[in-house]
Amino acid sequence: MNFPLYIAKRYILSNSKNNAINIINRIASLGIIVGALSLFVVLSVFSGLKNFSLSFTNEIDPDLKASSTLGKSFFISPSQEKQIKEIDGIASYSKIIEERVLFTFNGKQEVTYLKGVDSNFRKVNAIEKKLFNGQWIKPVTYQVVVGYGIAQKFSMGLLDFNHRLEVLVPKPGKGAIENPEQAFNKTDIIPVGIYAISEDLDSKYVFSDLGLAQELLEYKPNQVSGVEFKLKKGADEAVVKDKLQAIFNNKLTLKNRAQLNESLYKMLNTENIAVYLIFTLVIVVALFNLIGALIMMILDKKGNLKTLFNLGTEIKDLRKIFLLQGTLLSVIGGIIGLVLGIIIVLLQQQFQWIMITPTLAYPVVFSLENVLIVMGTIVSLGFMASLIASSRVSKKLLD
C-alpha cells in the first residue's frame, strides 16, 4: 500500500488527543458537506428555472428556421420543396410569412406580428395544445388565432360579428402617398381561437392562413418570409443545415432554437455562471476551515512526523500525507453533500414540497452535469487547500 495514503487514512479515521482539533476537523468536514449540498441544490434549481423559462419559447419556436439573408422574403420552387422532403433528418416543414402589421378593433389599435402559416404548421409546432379557447384556423379562410394578451387588450371574444377585427398592411411600392386610405391593404378577419403561452408571446402573434398573408402583402404564391423545420429525433443538425444551404445556394440564414433566442440564452447562461461563482466563493471560505484543520493536525502530529523523518521518510512524503488527507476529506464530504442534495432534489420533483404559486411547484432538474460540476469544484478546491496546508511541513518545523 502507498505509505502516505495509509497514514492519511489512519489520521482521518482516528481522533486526536486534543479535543479542540477534533472539533475543528468536524467543522471543516461539515463545511465541505454543506458547501457541496448547497451548490448542487442551487444548480439544480437554476437548471429547473432555465428549462421553465425556455419551455415558453420552445412552445412556439421550431427546431430550425430558414429566412432570407437578403431582404424580407424569398421564393421556394416545387423542385426545392421536393429536395427538402428527401432530406432524412427533416420530419416536417412549414412555409410561413411573418410581418408587423396594424390591427384595429372597436376603436382600439395594436401593432404586432401577423404570422401566416400553411396546413403543415401543426406538424412542426404543437401550438394547438396551447389553445385557451376556440379552434385552430381552417385553410383558405379569413380566420385567425390571436394571443390571450391581444384578446385582453381589445376586450375581444370569439366570433364577434358586432365588432370587426381589421388588419391593415402598408402597400409595397415607392413614391409619395397622396391618399392615406389607399396606402394600406386591409381586410376584416375572424378570430376563431385564442392561445395562451406566456405574457410576452401572448401579445406577439396573430396566426392566419398563409394565403391571407400573401394576399395582404401582395406576395406571389411561392413567395414566403421563412420556412420552419421539425427535425427527426437524433438528426444531425449540421448535416441538415448543409443540405438546405446546398438546395438554396447559400442564400438562407438557418437558426436553431438557441440562435432564435440568443439574448435569452446568453442572459440565462450568464446568470448560471454568476450563481456558480457566488456559491463557489462560499465553498472557498468554508475550505479555509480545512486549511486550519490540517495545520492544527500537522502541529499535533509533529512528534510522529519527526519520528518518521528520522526513520528515513522524505519531507515530500510527509507533505503528501496531509495533501492526501485533505483531498480525501474533500472527496468524502463532497460525496455526502451530493447524496443529500440529490435526495432533496428528487423529493422536490416527486412531492413538490416547495411551491412558487399554489399550483406551480419550484422547478428542479437532476442533472449528471451538475453532479460532475459540484464534485469537480469540491475536489479541485479541496486539493488546493490541502496543498497550501501541507506546505507547512518542512525540515525547519521538524527541527
Protein backbone atom coordinates (compact mmCIF):
# COMPACT_ATOMS: atom_id res chain seq x y z
CA MET A 1 0.00 0.00 0.00
CA ASN A 2 1.13 3.59 -0.65
CA PHE A 3 2.71 4.73 2.64
CA PRO A 4 1.46 8.39 2.67
CA LEU A 5 -2.05 7.22 1.73
CA TYR A 6 -2.05 4.64 4.53
CA ILE A 7 -1.04 7.24 7.15
CA ALA A 8 -3.54 9.78 5.75
CA LYS A 9 -6.39 7.28 6.09
CA ARG A 10 -5.32 6.50 9.66
CA TYR A 11 -5.34 10.21 10.54
CA ILE A 12 -8.84 10.62 9.06
CA LEU A 13 -10.28 7.66 11.00
CA SER A 14 -8.54 8.30 14.32
CA ASN A 15 -9.31 11.07 16.80
CA SER A 16 -6.70 13.42 18.16
CA LYS A 17 -5.93 13.57 21.87
CA ASN A 18 -6.65 17.28 21.63
CA ASN A 19 -10.43 17.72 21.66
CA ALA A 20 -10.20 21.19 20.05
CA ILE A 21 -8.60 19.67 16.94
CA ASN A 22 -11.39 17.08 16.69
CA ILE A 23 -13.97 19.88 16.81
CA ILE A 24 -12.11 21.86 14.11
CA ASN A 25 -11.97 18.74 11.90
CA ARG A 26 -15.71 18.17 12.27
CA ILE A 27 -16.45 21.81 11.44
CA ALA A 28 -14.23 21.56 8.34
CA SER A 29 -15.97 18.34 7.24
CA LEU A 30 -19.40 19.87 7.85
CA GLY A 31 -18.42 22.95 5.83
CA ILE A 32 -17.48 20.77 2.83
CA ILE A 33 -20.72 18.76 3.11
CA VAL A 34 -22.91 21.86 3.36
CA GLY A 35 -20.99 23.56 0.53
CA ALA A 36 -21.45 20.60 -1.82
CA LEU A 37 -25.11 20.24 -0.80
CA SER A 38 -25.94 23.92 -1.32
CA LEU A 39 -24.06 24.21 -4.62
CA PHE A 40 -25.80 21.15 -6.08
CA VAL A 41 -29.27 22.22 -4.91
CA VAL A 42 -28.80 25.77 -6.27
CA LEU A 43 -27.53 24.50 -9.64
CA SER A 44 -30.45 22.05 -9.84
CA VAL A 45 -32.93 24.81 -9.03
CA PHE A 46 -31.40 27.12 -11.61
CA SER A 47 -31.45 24.33 -14.21
CA GLY A 48 -35.15 23.91 -13.45
CA LEU A 49 -35.82 27.64 -13.78
CA LYS A 50 -33.82 27.73 -17.02
CA ASN A 51 -35.85 24.87 -18.52
CA PHE A 52 -39.05 26.51 -17.26
CA SER A 53 -38.13 29.82 -18.93
CA LEU A 54 -37.13 28.16 -22.20
CA SER A 55 -40.26 26.00 -22.26
CA PHE A 56 -42.30 29.06 -23.28
CA THR A 57 -40.18 29.84 -26.33
CA ASN A 58 -39.91 26.14 -27.20
CA GLU A 59 -43.69 26.02 -27.46
CA ILE A 60 -43.68 28.35 -30.43
CA ASP A 61 -40.17 28.10 -31.94
CA PRO A 62 -39.22 25.38 -34.45
CA ASP A 63 -36.15 23.14 -34.31
CA LEU A 64 -34.75 25.05 -37.28
CA LYS A 65 -35.87 28.20 -39.08
CA ALA A 66 -34.80 29.42 -42.52
CA SER A 67 -35.07 33.08 -43.51
CA SER A 68 -33.71 35.19 -46.34
CA THR A 69 -30.17 36.52 -45.97
CA LEU A 70 -31.06 39.48 -48.19
CA GLY A 71 -34.49 41.07 -47.90
CA LYS A 72 -37.63 40.02 -46.10
CA SER A 73 -38.74 37.22 -48.40
CA PHE A 74 -37.55 34.58 -50.86
CA PHE A 75 -39.00 32.20 -53.40
CA ILE A 76 -39.30 28.46 -52.91
CA SER A 77 -39.90 26.36 -56.02
CA PRO A 78 -41.66 22.96 -56.26
CA SER A 79 -38.32 21.30 -57.10
CA GLN A 80 -36.74 22.77 -53.97
CA GLU A 81 -39.66 21.52 -51.87
CA LYS A 82 -39.18 18.07 -53.36
CA GLN A 83 -35.50 18.11 -52.40
CA ILE A 84 -36.38 19.22 -48.85
CA LYS A 85 -38.73 16.23 -48.47
CA GLU A 86 -35.87 13.91 -49.45
CA ILE A 87 -33.63 15.08 -46.57
CA ASP A 88 -33.52 12.28 -43.99
CA GLY A 89 -33.24 14.44 -40.86
CA ILE A 90 -36.39 16.51 -41.55
CA ALA A 91 -39.65 15.18 -40.11
CA SER A 92 -41.80 18.03 -41.45
CA TYR A 93 -41.61 21.65 -42.60
CA SER A 94 -43.96 24.62 -42.87
CA LYS A 95 -43.86 27.73 -45.05
CA ILE A 96 -44.59 30.95 -43.18
CA ILE A 97 -44.94 34.69 -43.68
CA GLU A 98 -44.20 36.95 -40.73
CA GLU A 99 -44.73 40.72 -40.77
CA ARG A 100 -45.55 43.53 -38.33
CA VAL A 101 -48.96 44.96 -39.15
CA LEU A 102 -51.70 47.07 -37.59
CA PHE A 103 -54.83 45.53 -36.05
CA THR A 104 -57.90 47.57 -35.14
CA PHE A 105 -60.94 46.50 -33.12
CA ASN A 106 -63.76 48.61 -31.74
CA GLY A 107 -61.70 51.83 -31.83
CA LYS A 108 -58.56 50.23 -30.37
CA GLN A 109 -55.28 49.69 -32.24
CA GLU A 110 -52.34 47.33 -31.77
CA VAL A 111 -49.18 46.82 -33.86
CA THR A 112 -47.94 43.24 -33.70
CA TYR A 113 -46.92 40.32 -35.90
CA LEU A 114 -49.20 38.64 -38.41
CA LYS A 115 -47.91 35.12 -38.96
CA GLY A 116 -49.31 33.34 -41.98
CA VAL A 117 -48.86 29.56 -41.81
CA ASP A 118 -49.72 26.67 -44.09
CA SER A 119 -51.55 23.46 -43.22
CA ASN A 120 -48.28 21.72 -42.20
CA PHE A 121 -47.66 24.18 -39.36
CA ARG A 122 -49.41 21.93 -36.82
CA LYS A 123 -46.94 19.13 -37.67
CA VAL A 124 -43.98 21.41 -36.97
CA ASN A 125 -45.35 23.21 -33.93
CA ALA A 126 -47.65 21.95 -31.15
CA ILE A 127 -49.44 25.31 -30.98
CA GLU A 128 -52.87 23.62 -30.93
CA LYS A 129 -52.12 22.26 -27.45
CA LYS A 130 -51.83 25.85 -26.25
CA LEU A 131 -55.27 26.94 -27.43
CA PHE A 132 -57.00 28.57 -24.48
CA ASN A 133 -60.33 28.80 -26.25
CA GLY A 134 -61.84 28.08 -29.66
CA GLN A 135 -60.20 26.16 -32.51
CA TRP A 136 -57.32 26.33 -34.98
CA ILE A 137 -57.70 28.17 -38.30
CA LYS A 138 -59.01 26.40 -41.39
CA PRO A 139 -57.06 26.66 -44.68
CA VAL A 140 -58.04 29.26 -47.30
CA THR A 141 -60.18 31.30 -44.88
CA TYR A 142 -60.07 34.67 -43.17
CA GLN A 143 -59.92 33.04 -39.76
CA VAL A 144 -57.20 33.96 -37.26
CA VAL A 145 -55.98 32.76 -33.87
CA VAL A 146 -54.95 35.55 -31.50
CA GLY A 147 -52.95 35.57 -28.28
CA TYR A 148 -54.59 35.89 -24.89
CA GLY A 149 -52.78 39.20 -24.32
CA ILE A 150 -54.14 40.69 -27.55
CA ALA A 151 -57.66 39.47 -26.76
CA GLN A 152 -57.44 41.19 -23.36
CA LYS A 153 -56.16 44.48 -24.84
CA PHE A 154 -59.02 44.54 -27.32
CA SER A 155 -61.59 43.16 -24.83
CA MET A 156 -62.40 40.81 -27.68
CA GLY A 157 -64.20 37.49 -27.76
CA LEU A 158 -64.50 34.85 -30.47
CA LEU A 159 -66.85 35.06 -33.44
CA ASP A 160 -67.91 38.59 -32.50
CA PHE A 161 -69.87 39.73 -35.57
CA ASN A 162 -70.97 43.01 -33.98
CA HIS A 163 -67.41 44.39 -33.99
CA ARG A 164 -64.93 43.82 -36.78
CA LEU A 165 -61.27 42.88 -36.26
CA GLU A 166 -59.46 44.57 -39.11
CA VAL A 167 -55.86 44.13 -40.28
CA LEU A 168 -54.02 46.88 -42.17
CA VAL A 169 -50.78 46.25 -44.07
CA PRO A 170 -48.80 49.03 -45.83
CA LYS A 171 -48.83 48.57 -49.60
CA PRO A 172 -45.45 47.86 -51.16
CA GLY A 173 -44.10 50.43 -53.60
CA LYS A 174 -42.32 53.76 -53.93
CA GLY A 175 -43.30 57.39 -54.14
CA ALA A 176 -45.37 59.78 -52.07
CA ILE A 177 -48.74 58.74 -50.65
CA GLU A 178 -51.49 61.04 -51.92
CA ASN A 179 -54.47 59.31 -50.31
CA PRO A 180 -53.92 57.69 -46.88
CA GLU A 181 -56.93 55.46 -47.45
CA GLN A 182 -55.13 53.84 -50.39
CA ALA A 183 -51.84 53.36 -48.52
CA PHE A 184 -52.94 50.11 -46.87
CA ASN A 185 -54.20 46.71 -47.87
CA LYS A 186 -56.88 45.92 -45.34
CA THR A 187 -59.45 43.27 -44.68
CA ASP A 188 -61.75 42.01 -41.95
CA ILE A 189 -60.66 38.83 -40.18
CA ILE A 190 -62.50 36.45 -37.88
CA PRO A 191 -60.95 35.35 -34.55
CA VAL A 192 -61.78 31.67 -34.04
CA GLY A 193 -59.23 30.77 -31.35
CA ILE A 194 -57.15 32.20 -28.50
CA TYR A 195 -53.78 30.74 -27.50
CA ALA A 196 -52.06 31.19 -24.13
CA ILE A 197 -48.31 30.54 -23.66
CA SER A 198 -46.65 33.39 -21.75
CA GLU A 199 -47.23 37.09 -21.17
CA ASP A 200 -44.78 38.19 -23.87
CA LEU A 201 -45.72 35.63 -26.52
CA ASP A 202 -49.47 36.08 -25.95
CA SER A 203 -49.15 39.61 -27.31
CA LYS A 204 -46.73 38.85 -30.14
CA TYR A 205 -48.51 36.81 -32.84
CA VAL A 206 -51.79 36.66 -34.70
CA PHE A 207 -51.87 33.44 -36.75
CA SER A 208 -53.61 33.36 -40.11
CA ASP A 209 -53.68 31.21 -43.22
CA LEU A 210 -50.60 31.59 -45.45
CA GLY A 211 -52.77 32.64 -48.41
CA LEU A 212 -54.30 35.53 -46.47
CA ALA A 213 -50.85 36.85 -45.51
CA GLN A 214 -49.68 36.56 -49.13
CA GLU A 215 -52.76 38.46 -50.29
CA LEU A 216 -52.26 41.30 -47.80
CA LEU A 217 -48.53 41.64 -48.52
CA GLU A 218 -49.03 41.16 -52.26
CA TYR A 219 -46.67 38.17 -52.31
CA LYS A 220 -46.64 35.63 -55.10
CA PRO A 221 -47.89 32.06 -54.39
CA ASN A 222 -44.36 30.68 -53.95
CA GLN A 223 -43.01 33.72 -52.04
CA VAL A 224 -42.50 33.32 -48.28
CA SER A 225 -40.56 35.03 -45.49
CA GLY A 226 -39.40 31.81 -43.86
CA VAL A 227 -39.57 28.03 -43.59
CA GLU A 228 -39.77 26.27 -40.22
CA PHE A 229 -38.49 22.71 -39.80
CA LYS A 230 -39.12 19.94 -37.33
CA LEU A 231 -36.17 17.57 -37.17
CA LYS A 232 -36.33 13.84 -36.57
CA LYS A 233 -35.12 12.57 -33.21
CA GLY A 234 -31.36 12.10 -33.32
CA ALA A 235 -30.97 14.02 -36.59
CA ASP A 236 -27.63 15.74 -37.18
CA GLU A 237 -28.47 19.45 -37.27
CA ALA A 238 -25.22 20.42 -39.03
CA VAL A 239 -25.81 17.91 -41.84
CA VAL A 240 -29.40 19.15 -42.33
CA LYS A 241 -28.17 22.75 -42.47
CA ASP A 242 -25.55 21.90 -45.09
CA LYS A 243 -28.12 20.14 -47.29
CA LEU A 244 -30.58 23.04 -47.02
CA GLN A 245 -27.88 25.58 -47.90
CA ALA A 246 -26.99 23.48 -50.94
CA ILE A 247 -30.65 23.47 -52.06
CA PHE A 248 -30.97 27.26 -51.70
CA ASN A 249 -27.43 28.12 -52.93
CA ASN A 250 -26.37 29.55 -49.53
CA LYS A 251 -28.92 32.35 -49.76
CA LEU A 252 -30.67 31.48 -46.49
CA THR A 253 -29.91 32.11 -42.82
CA LEU A 254 -30.58 29.00 -40.73
CA LYS A 255 -31.08 29.30 -36.97
CA ASN A 256 -31.90 26.76 -34.27
CA ARG A 257 -33.84 27.48 -31.08
CA ALA A 258 -30.81 28.78 -29.21
CA GLN A 259 -29.92 31.16 -32.06
CA LEU A 260 -33.51 32.37 -32.42
CA ASN A 261 -33.47 33.33 -28.71
CA GLU A 262 -29.81 34.28 -28.48
CA SER A 263 -30.26 37.10 -25.96
CA LEU A 264 -32.39 34.90 -23.67
CA TYR A 265 -29.85 32.07 -23.75
CA LYS A 266 -26.98 34.49 -23.08
CA MET A 267 -28.83 36.00 -20.12
CA LEU A 268 -29.61 32.58 -18.61
CA ASN A 269 -26.05 31.32 -19.13
CA THR A 270 -24.61 34.49 -17.57
CA GLU A 271 -26.90 34.11 -14.55
CA ASN A 272 -25.89 30.46 -14.26
CA ILE A 273 -22.19 31.37 -14.22
CA ALA A 274 -22.81 34.16 -11.69
CA VAL A 275 -24.70 31.82 -9.34
CA TYR A 276 -21.98 29.19 -9.67
CA LEU A 277 -19.20 31.70 -8.88
CA ILE A 278 -21.06 33.09 -5.86
CA PHE A 279 -21.56 29.67 -4.30
CA THR A 280 -18.01 28.63 -5.24
CA LEU A 281 -16.83 31.63 -3.22
CA VAL A 282 -18.88 30.30 -0.28
CA ILE A 283 -17.10 26.95 -0.65
CA VAL A 284 -13.71 28.70 -0.79
CA VAL A 285 -14.49 30.43 2.51
CA ALA A 286 -15.58 27.09 4.01
CA LEU A 287 -12.32 25.47 2.87
CA PHE A 288 -10.33 27.90 5.00
CA ASN A 289 -11.56 25.70 7.85
CA LEU A 290 -9.95 22.73 6.09
CA ILE A 291 -6.63 24.59 5.84
CA GLY A 292 -6.80 25.47 9.53
CA ALA A 293 -7.74 21.91 10.50
CA LEU A 294 -4.82 20.43 8.53
CA ILE A 295 -2.33 22.92 10.00
CA MET A 296 -3.57 22.08 13.50
CA MET A 297 -3.21 18.40 12.66
CA ILE A 298 0.36 18.97 11.44
CA LEU A 299 1.25 20.69 14.72
CA ASP A 300 -0.48 17.97 16.73
CA LYS A 301 1.35 15.19 14.88
CA LYS A 302 4.70 17.00 14.92
CA GLY A 303 6.25 14.34 17.14
CA ASN A 304 5.09 11.49 14.89
CA LEU A 305 6.34 13.33 11.83
CA LYS A 306 9.76 13.85 13.42
CA THR A 307 9.97 10.11 14.17
CA LEU A 308 9.02 9.23 10.58
CA PHE A 309 11.61 11.72 9.30
CA ASN A 310 14.35 10.20 11.46
CA LEU A 311 13.38 6.76 10.13
CA GLY A 312 14.10 7.97 6.60
CA THR A 313 10.79 9.35 5.34
CA GLU A 314 11.35 12.28 3.00
CA ILE A 315 9.76 15.69 3.52
CA LYS A 316 7.80 15.37 0.26
CA ASP A 317 6.19 12.15 1.53
CA LEU A 318 5.30 13.77 4.84
CA ARG A 319 3.66 16.63 2.92
CA LYS A 320 1.85 14.10 0.76
CA ILE A 321 0.24 12.60 3.91
CA PHE A 322 -1.65 15.82 4.64
CA LEU A 323 -2.25 16.57 0.98
CA LEU A 324 -3.98 13.19 0.67
CA GLN A 325 -5.78 13.63 3.99
CA GLY A 326 -7.29 16.96 2.93
CA THR A 327 -8.16 15.67 -0.54
CA LEU A 328 -9.82 12.56 0.90
CA LEU A 329 -11.82 14.72 3.34
CA SER A 330 -12.95 16.84 0.37
CA VAL A 331 -13.96 13.76 -1.66
CA ILE A 332 -15.84 12.15 1.24
CA GLY A 333 -17.53 15.44 2.21
CA GLY A 334 -18.40 16.14 -1.41
CA ILE A 335 -19.97 12.69 -1.87
CA ILE A 336 -22.02 13.00 1.34
CA GLY A 337 -23.17 16.51 0.35
CA LEU A 338 -24.07 15.35 -3.15
CA VAL A 339 -26.06 12.38 -1.85
CA LEU A 340 -28.04 14.66 0.48
CA GLY A 341 -28.53 17.19 -2.35
CA ILE A 342 -29.73 14.52 -4.77
CA ILE A 343 -32.23 13.26 -2.17
CA ILE A 344 -33.58 16.80 -1.67
CA VAL A 345 -33.89 17.40 -5.44
CA LEU A 346 -35.61 14.04 -6.08
CA LEU A 347 -38.02 14.60 -3.17
CA GLN A 348 -38.91 18.05 -4.56
CA GLN A 349 -39.52 16.52 -8.01
CA GLN A 350 -41.67 13.75 -6.55
CA PHE A 351 -43.65 15.50 -3.80
CA GLN A 352 -43.39 19.20 -4.82
CA TRP A 353 -42.98 20.43 -1.26
CA ILE A 354 -41.83 23.99 -2.14
CA MET A 355 -44.29 25.94 -4.30
CA ILE A 356 -43.93 29.20 -6.24
CA THR A 357 -47.69 29.57 -6.54
CA PRO A 358 -50.47 27.33 -5.19
CA THR A 359 -50.45 25.43 -8.50
CA LEU A 360 -46.78 25.69 -9.58
CA ALA A 361 -44.01 23.82 -7.78
CA TYR A 362 -40.48 25.19 -7.68
CA PRO A 363 -38.84 23.61 -10.75
CA VAL A 364 -35.72 21.50 -10.15
CA VAL A 365 -33.79 19.28 -12.56
CA PHE A 366 -31.49 16.41 -11.59
CA SER A 367 -28.54 16.54 -13.96
CA LEU A 368 -25.40 14.41 -14.15
CA GLU A 369 -23.62 17.52 -15.43
CA ASN A 370 -24.37 19.31 -12.14
CA VAL A 371 -23.07 16.30 -10.20
CA LEU A 372 -19.77 16.43 -12.09
CA ILE A 373 -19.52 20.23 -11.72
CA VAL A 374 -20.03 20.08 -7.95
CA MET A 375 -17.67 17.14 -7.45
CA GLY A 376 -15.01 18.68 -9.67
CA THR A 377 -15.28 22.02 -7.83
CA ILE A 378 -15.10 20.50 -4.35
CA VAL A 379 -12.20 18.15 -5.16
CA SER A 380 -10.13 20.74 -7.04
CA LEU A 381 -10.58 23.45 -4.37
CA GLY A 382 -10.02 20.87 -1.61
CA PHE A 383 -6.81 19.77 -3.31
CA MET A 384 -5.54 23.36 -3.49
CA ALA A 385 -6.46 23.99 0.15
CA SER A 386 -4.65 20.78 1.17
CA LEU A 387 -1.62 21.77 -0.91
CA ILE A 388 -1.41 25.10 0.91
CA ALA A 389 -1.71 23.45 4.32
CA SER A 390 0.71 20.59 3.59
CA SER A 391 3.40 23.08 2.51
CA ARG A 392 3.76 23.92 6.22
CA VAL A 393 5.59 20.63 6.69
CA SER A 394 9.29 21.46 6.44
CA LYS A 395 12.65 20.39 7.88
CA LYS A 396 12.69 23.60 9.90
CA LEU A 397 9.37 22.67 11.53
CA LEU A 398 10.67 19.22 12.48
CA ASP A 399 13.93 20.65 13.87
